[in-house]
Amino acid sequence: MLPLLVTANTLADLPAVARQVQAAITVSGCRVVVFEGEMGAGKTTLISALAAATGIEDDVSSPTFSLVNEYRAASGQPVYHFDFYRINSIDEAERIGATEYLDSGYLCLVEWPTRVEALLPAPRLEVRLEVEPNENRTIKLRIIN
């Protein structure tokens, strides 16, 4: 099933894309999913659609300042959403307990993963969002070992 290439022409396409990402998470067995893309590519918007697809009823927003938000999936299990854009060092990430979250076995959705690359377990699922000149999005999914 992976790698997978998906195109989103409008925001209305995101629920379908989120279902494909959810299926890739299930098939891959990866509990850590990293979201790559430039600022404004739609990482948080896609994570919000993915959260809805997993039965999360909370409002999903970027944890830019808190670094991590915790939600509950329909199953009752926690889902952790990280935004490491403002992280200054691996040490800072470790002090907030990032390693424990990432190794918890619960679903972890990570924005700006390159800032904490050394802490990320393998395998993990990468969701790369690329903005096309016409504002469409190309979403590439692959497993990183």
C-alpha atoms as a PDB file:
ATOM      1  CA  MET A   1       0.000   0.000   0.000  1.00  0.00           C
ATOM      2  CA  LEU A   2       2.853   2.420   0.689  1.00  0.00           C
ATOM      3  CA  PRO A   3       4.296   4.661  -0.678  1.00  0.00           C
ATOM      4  CA  LEU A   4       1.101   6.460  -1.565  1.00  0.00           C
ATOM      5  CA  LEU A   5       0.510   9.696  -3.451  1.00  0.00           C
ATOM      6  CA  VAL A   6      -2.692  11.686  -2.914  1.00  0.00           C
ATOM      7  CA  THR A   7      -3.814  15.038  -4.306  1.00  0.00           C
ATOM      8  CA  ALA A   8      -6.063  17.494  -2.482  1.00  0.00           C
ATOM      9  CA  ASN A   9      -7.575  20.126  -4.759  1.00  0.00           C
ATOM     10  CA  THR A  10      -9.623  21.831  -2.040  1.00  0.00           C
ATOM     11  CA  LEU A  11     -10.141  21.733   1.710  1.00  0.00           C
ATOM     12  CA  ALA A  12     -13.214  19.622   0.993  1.00  0.00           C
ATOM     13  CA  ASP A  13     -10.846  16.835  -0.120  1.00  0.00           C
ATOM     14  CA  LEU A  14      -9.161  16.606   3.289  1.00  0.00           C
ATOM     15  CA  PRO A  15     -11.605  14.182   4.949  1.00  0.00           C
ATOM     16  CA  ALA A  16     -10.951  11.667   2.147  1.00  0.00           C
ATOM     17  CA  VAL A  17      -7.201  12.239   2.433  1.00  0.00           C
ATOM     18  CA  ALA A  18      -7.444  11.816   6.216  1.00  0.00           C
ATOM     19  CA  ARG A  19      -9.199   8.467   5.757  1.00  0.00           C
ATOM     20  CA  GLN A  20      -6.343   7.344   3.499  1.00  0.00           C
ATOM     21  CA  VAL A  21      -3.793   8.449   6.095  1.00  0.00           C
ATOM     22  CA  GLN A  22      -5.792   6.624   8.780  1.00  0.00           C
ATOM     23  CA  ALA A  23      -5.772   3.468   6.637  1.00  0.00           C
ATOM     24  CA  ALA A  24      -2.002   3.825   6.117  1.00  0.00           C
ATOM     25  CA  ILE A  25      -1.507   4.118   9.883  1.00  0.00           C
ATOM     26  CA  THR A  26      -3.502   0.938  10.407  1.00  0.00           C
ATOM     27  CA  VAL A  27      -1.755  -1.023   7.656  1.00  0.00           C
ATOM     28  CA  SER A  28       1.737   0.161   8.606  1.00  0.00           C
ATOM     29  CA  GLY A  29       1.279  -0.328  12.338  1.00  0.00           C
ATOM     30  CA  CYS A  30       3.219   2.903  12.882  1.00  0.00           C
ATOM     31  CA  ARG A  31       2.214   4.755  16.033  1.00  0.00           C
ATOM     32  CA  VAL A  32       4.341   7.807  15.225  1.00  0.00           C
ATOM     33  CA  VAL A  33       3.242   9.849  12.226  1.00  0.00           C
ATOM     34  CA  VAL A  34       5.366  12.802  11.149  1.00  0.00           C
ATOM     35  CA  PHE A  35       3.965  15.640   9.064  1.00  0.00           C
ATOM     36  CA  GLU A  36       6.433  17.453   6.816  1.00  0.00           C
ATOM     37  CA  GLY A  37       5.698  20.586   4.818  1.00  0.00           C
ATOM     38  CA  GLU A  38       6.383  24.258   4.650  1.00  0.00           C
ATOM     39  CA  MET A  39       4.603  26.764   6.844  1.00  0.00           C
ATOM     40  CA  GLY A  40       0.989  26.980   5.665  1.00  0.00           C
ATOM     41  CA  ALA A  41       1.076  23.681   3.760  1.00  0.00           C
ATOM     42  CA  GLY A  42      -1.890  22.374   5.760  1.00  0.00           C
ATOM     43  CA  LYS A  43      -0.276  20.069   8.321  1.00  0.00           C
ATOM     44  CA  THR A  44      -2.535  21.115  11.202  1.00  0.00           C
ATOM     45  CA  THR A  45      -5.599  21.173   8.949  1.00  0.00           C
ATOM     46  CA  LEU A  46      -4.893  17.614   7.814  1.00  0.00           C
ATOM     47  CA  ILE A  47      -4.255  16.520  11.407  1.00  0.00           C
ATOM     48  CA  SER A  48      -7.615  18.032  12.374  1.00  0.00           C
ATOM     49  CA  ALA A  49      -9.327  16.021   9.621  1.00  0.00           C
ATOM     50  CA  LEU A  50      -7.421  12.889  10.728  1.00  0.00           C
ATOM     51  CA  ALA A  51      -8.512  13.484  14.326  1.00  0.00           C
ATOM     52  CA  ALA A  52     -12.143  13.685  13.212  1.00  0.00           C
ATOM     53  CA  ALA A  53     -11.679  10.441  11.250  1.00  0.00           C
ATOM     54  CA  THR A  54     -10.440   8.712  14.420  1.00  0.00           C
ATOM     55  CA  GLY A  55     -13.439   9.905  16.407  1.00  0.00           C
ATOM     56  CA  ILE A  56     -11.784  12.758  18.286  1.00  0.00           C
ATOM     57  CA  GLU A  57     -14.486  15.257  19.139  1.00  0.00           C
ATOM     58  CA  ASP A  58     -12.223  17.935  20.640  1.00  0.00           C
ATOM     59  CA  ASP A  59     -11.258  21.025  18.692  1.00  0.00           C
ATOM     60  CA  VAL A  60      -7.854  20.287  17.228  1.00  0.00           C
ATOM     61  CA  SER A  61      -5.426  23.167  17.074  1.00  0.00           C
ATOM     62  CA  SER A  62      -1.705  23.473  16.699  1.00  0.00           C
ATOM     63  CA  PRO A  63       0.152  23.068  19.991  1.00  0.00           C
ATOM     64  CA  THR A  64       2.670  25.687  18.865  1.00  0.00           C
ATOM     65  CA  PHE A  65       3.187  27.150  22.324  1.00  0.00           C
ATOM     66  CA  SER A  66       2.297  24.181  24.537  1.00  0.00           C
ATOM     67  CA  LEU A  67       4.309  21.828  22.244  1.00  0.00           C
ATOM     68  CA  VAL A  68       1.890  18.927  22.837  1.00  0.00           C
ATOM     69  CA  ASN A  69      -1.887  18.547  22.967  1.00  0.00           C
ATOM     70  CA  GLU A  70      -3.614  15.392  24.164  1.00  0.00           C
ATOM     71  CA  TYR A  71      -6.895  14.220  22.676  1.00  0.00           C
ATOM     72  CA  ARG A  72      -9.017  11.103  23.183  1.00  0.00           C
ATOM     73  CA  ALA A  73      -9.890   8.892  20.246  1.00  0.00           C
ATOM     74  CA  ALA A  74     -13.287   7.184  20.066  1.00  0.00           C
ATOM     75  CA  SER A  75     -11.557   4.113  21.553  1.00  0.00           C
ATOM     76  CA  GLY A  76     -10.697   6.144  24.655  1.00  0.00           C
ATOM     77  CA  GLN A  77      -6.979   5.946  23.950  1.00  0.00           C
ATOM     78  CA  PRO A  78      -4.903   9.106  24.019  1.00  0.00           C
ATOM     79  CA  VAL A  79      -3.644  10.709  20.831  1.00  0.00           C
ATOM     80  CA  TYR A  80      -0.718  13.119  21.165  1.00  0.00           C
ATOM     81  CA  HIS A  81      -0.259  16.036  18.784  1.00  0.00           C
ATOM     82  CA  PHE A  82       3.139  17.746  18.766  1.00  0.00           C
ATOM     83  CA  ASP A  83       4.305  20.955  17.129  1.00  0.00           C
ATOM     84  CA  PHE A  84       8.063  21.269  17.486  1.00  0.00           C
ATOM     85  CA  TYR A  85       8.364  24.488  15.452  1.00  0.00           C
ATOM     86  CA  ARG A  86       9.376  26.516  18.526  1.00  0.00           C
ATOM     87  CA  ILE A  87      11.559  23.855  20.134  1.00  0.00           C
ATOM     88  CA  ASN A  88      15.113  25.071  20.646  1.00  0.00           C
ATOM     89  CA  SER A  89      16.945  21.816  21.301  1.00  0.00           C
ATOM     90  CA  ILE A  90      16.640  18.069  21.675  1.00  0.00           C
ATOM     91  CA  ASP A  91      17.266  18.623  25.391  1.00  0.00           C
ATOM     92  CA  GLU A  92      14.206  20.868  25.612  1.00  0.00           C
ATOM     93  CA  ALA A  93      12.098  18.204  23.899  1.00  0.00           C
ATOM     94  CA  GLU A  94      13.381  15.579  26.317  1.00  0.00           C
ATOM     95  CA  ARG A  95      12.545  17.808  29.297  1.00  0.00           C
ATOM     96  CA  ILE A  96       8.875  17.955  28.247  1.00  0.00           C
ATOM     97  CA  GLY A  97       8.859  14.144  28.091  1.00  0.00           C
ATOM     98  CA  ALA A  98       8.784  13.812  24.303  1.00  0.00           C
ATOM     99  CA  THR A  99      10.601  10.474  24.422  1.00  0.00           C
ATOM    100  CA  GLU A 100       8.037   8.988  26.794  1.00  0.00           C
ATOM    101  CA  TYR A 101       5.172  10.150  24.581  1.00  0.00           C
ATOM    102  CA  LEU A 102       6.835   8.891  21.393  1.00  0.00           C
ATOM    103  CA  ASP A 103       7.597   5.507  22.962  1.00  0.00           C
ATOM    104  CA  SER A 104       4.169   5.159  24.628  1.00  0.00           C
ATOM    105  CA  GLY A 105       2.612   3.029  21.893  1.00  0.00           C
ATOM    106  CA  TYR A 106      -0.178   5.576  21.510  1.00  0.00           C
ATOM    107  CA  LEU A 107      -0.715   7.504  18.316  1.00  0.00           C
ATOM    108  CA  CYS A 108       1.644  10.497  18.089  1.00  0.00           C
ATOM    109  CA  LEU A 109       1.135  13.099  15.358  1.00  0.00           C
ATOM    110  CA  VAL A 110       4.248  15.232  14.947  1.00  0.00           C
ATOM    111  CA  GLU A 111       4.608  18.557  13.138  1.00  0.00           C
ATOM    112  CA  TRP A 112       8.135  19.869  12.406  1.00  0.00           C
ATOM    113  CA  PRO A 113       9.742  16.471  13.137  1.00  0.00           C
ATOM    114  CA  THR A 114      13.179  17.390  11.787  1.00  0.00           C
ATOM    115  CA  ARG A 115      13.726  19.500  14.912  1.00  0.00           C
ATOM    116  CA  VAL A 116      13.631  16.324  17.057  1.00  0.00           C
ATOM    117  CA  GLU A 117      14.860  13.788  14.502  1.00  0.00           C
ATOM    118  CA  ALA A 118      17.136  12.058  17.022  1.00  0.00           C
ATOM    119  CA  LEU A 119      14.164  11.232  19.267  1.00  0.00           C
ATOM    120  CA  LEU A 120      11.892   9.767  16.599  1.00  0.00           C
ATOM    121  CA  PRO A 121      11.496   5.988  16.620  1.00  0.00           C
ATOM    122  CA  ALA A 122      11.563   3.805  13.546  1.00  0.00           C
ATOM    123  CA  PRO A 123       9.540   2.731  11.807  1.00  0.00           C
ATOM    124  CA  ARG A 124       7.349   5.793  11.475  1.00  0.00           C
ATOM    125  CA  LEU A 125       4.931   7.023   8.870  1.00  0.00           C
ATOM    126  CA  GLU A 126       5.833  10.221   7.040  1.00  0.00           C
ATOM    127  CA  VAL A 127       3.101  12.412   5.563  1.00  0.00           C
ATOM    128  CA  ARG A 128       4.708  15.016   3.301  1.00  0.00           C
ATOM    129  CA  LEU A 129       2.538  17.897   2.122  1.00  0.00           C
ATOM    130  CA  GLU A 130       3.711  19.811  -0.914  1.00  0.00           C
ATOM    131  CA  VAL A 131       2.002  22.973  -2.116  1.00  0.00           C
ATOM    132  CA  GLU A 132       1.627  23.085  -5.887  1.00  0.00           C
ATOM    133  CA  PRO A 133       1.660  26.353  -7.890  1.00  0.00           C
ATOM    134  CA  ASN A 134      -2.156  26.188  -8.236  1.00  0.00           C
ATOM    135  CA  GLU A 135      -2.525  25.866  -4.413  1.00  0.00           C
ATOM    136  CA  ASN A 136      -3.414  22.178  -4.703  1.00  0.00           C
ATOM    137  CA  ARG A 137      -1.657  19.886  -2.267  1.00  0.00           C
ATOM    138  CA  THR A 138       0.226  16.724  -3.083  1.00  0.00           C
ATOM    139  CA  ILE A 139       0.436  14.407  -0.082  1.00  0.00           C
ATOM    140  CA  LYS A 140       3.049  11.656  -0.103  1.00  0.00           C
ATOM    141  CA  LEU A 141       2.999   8.853   2.449  1.00  0.00           C
ATOM    142  CA  ARG A 142       5.947   6.570   3.144  1.00  0.00           C
ATOM    143  CA  ILE A 143       7.390   4.517   5.955  1.00  0.00           C
ATOM    144  CA  ILE A 144      10.739   5.598   7.368  1.00  0.00           C
ATOM    145  CA  ASN A 145      12.784   2.745   8.823  1.00  0.00           C
END
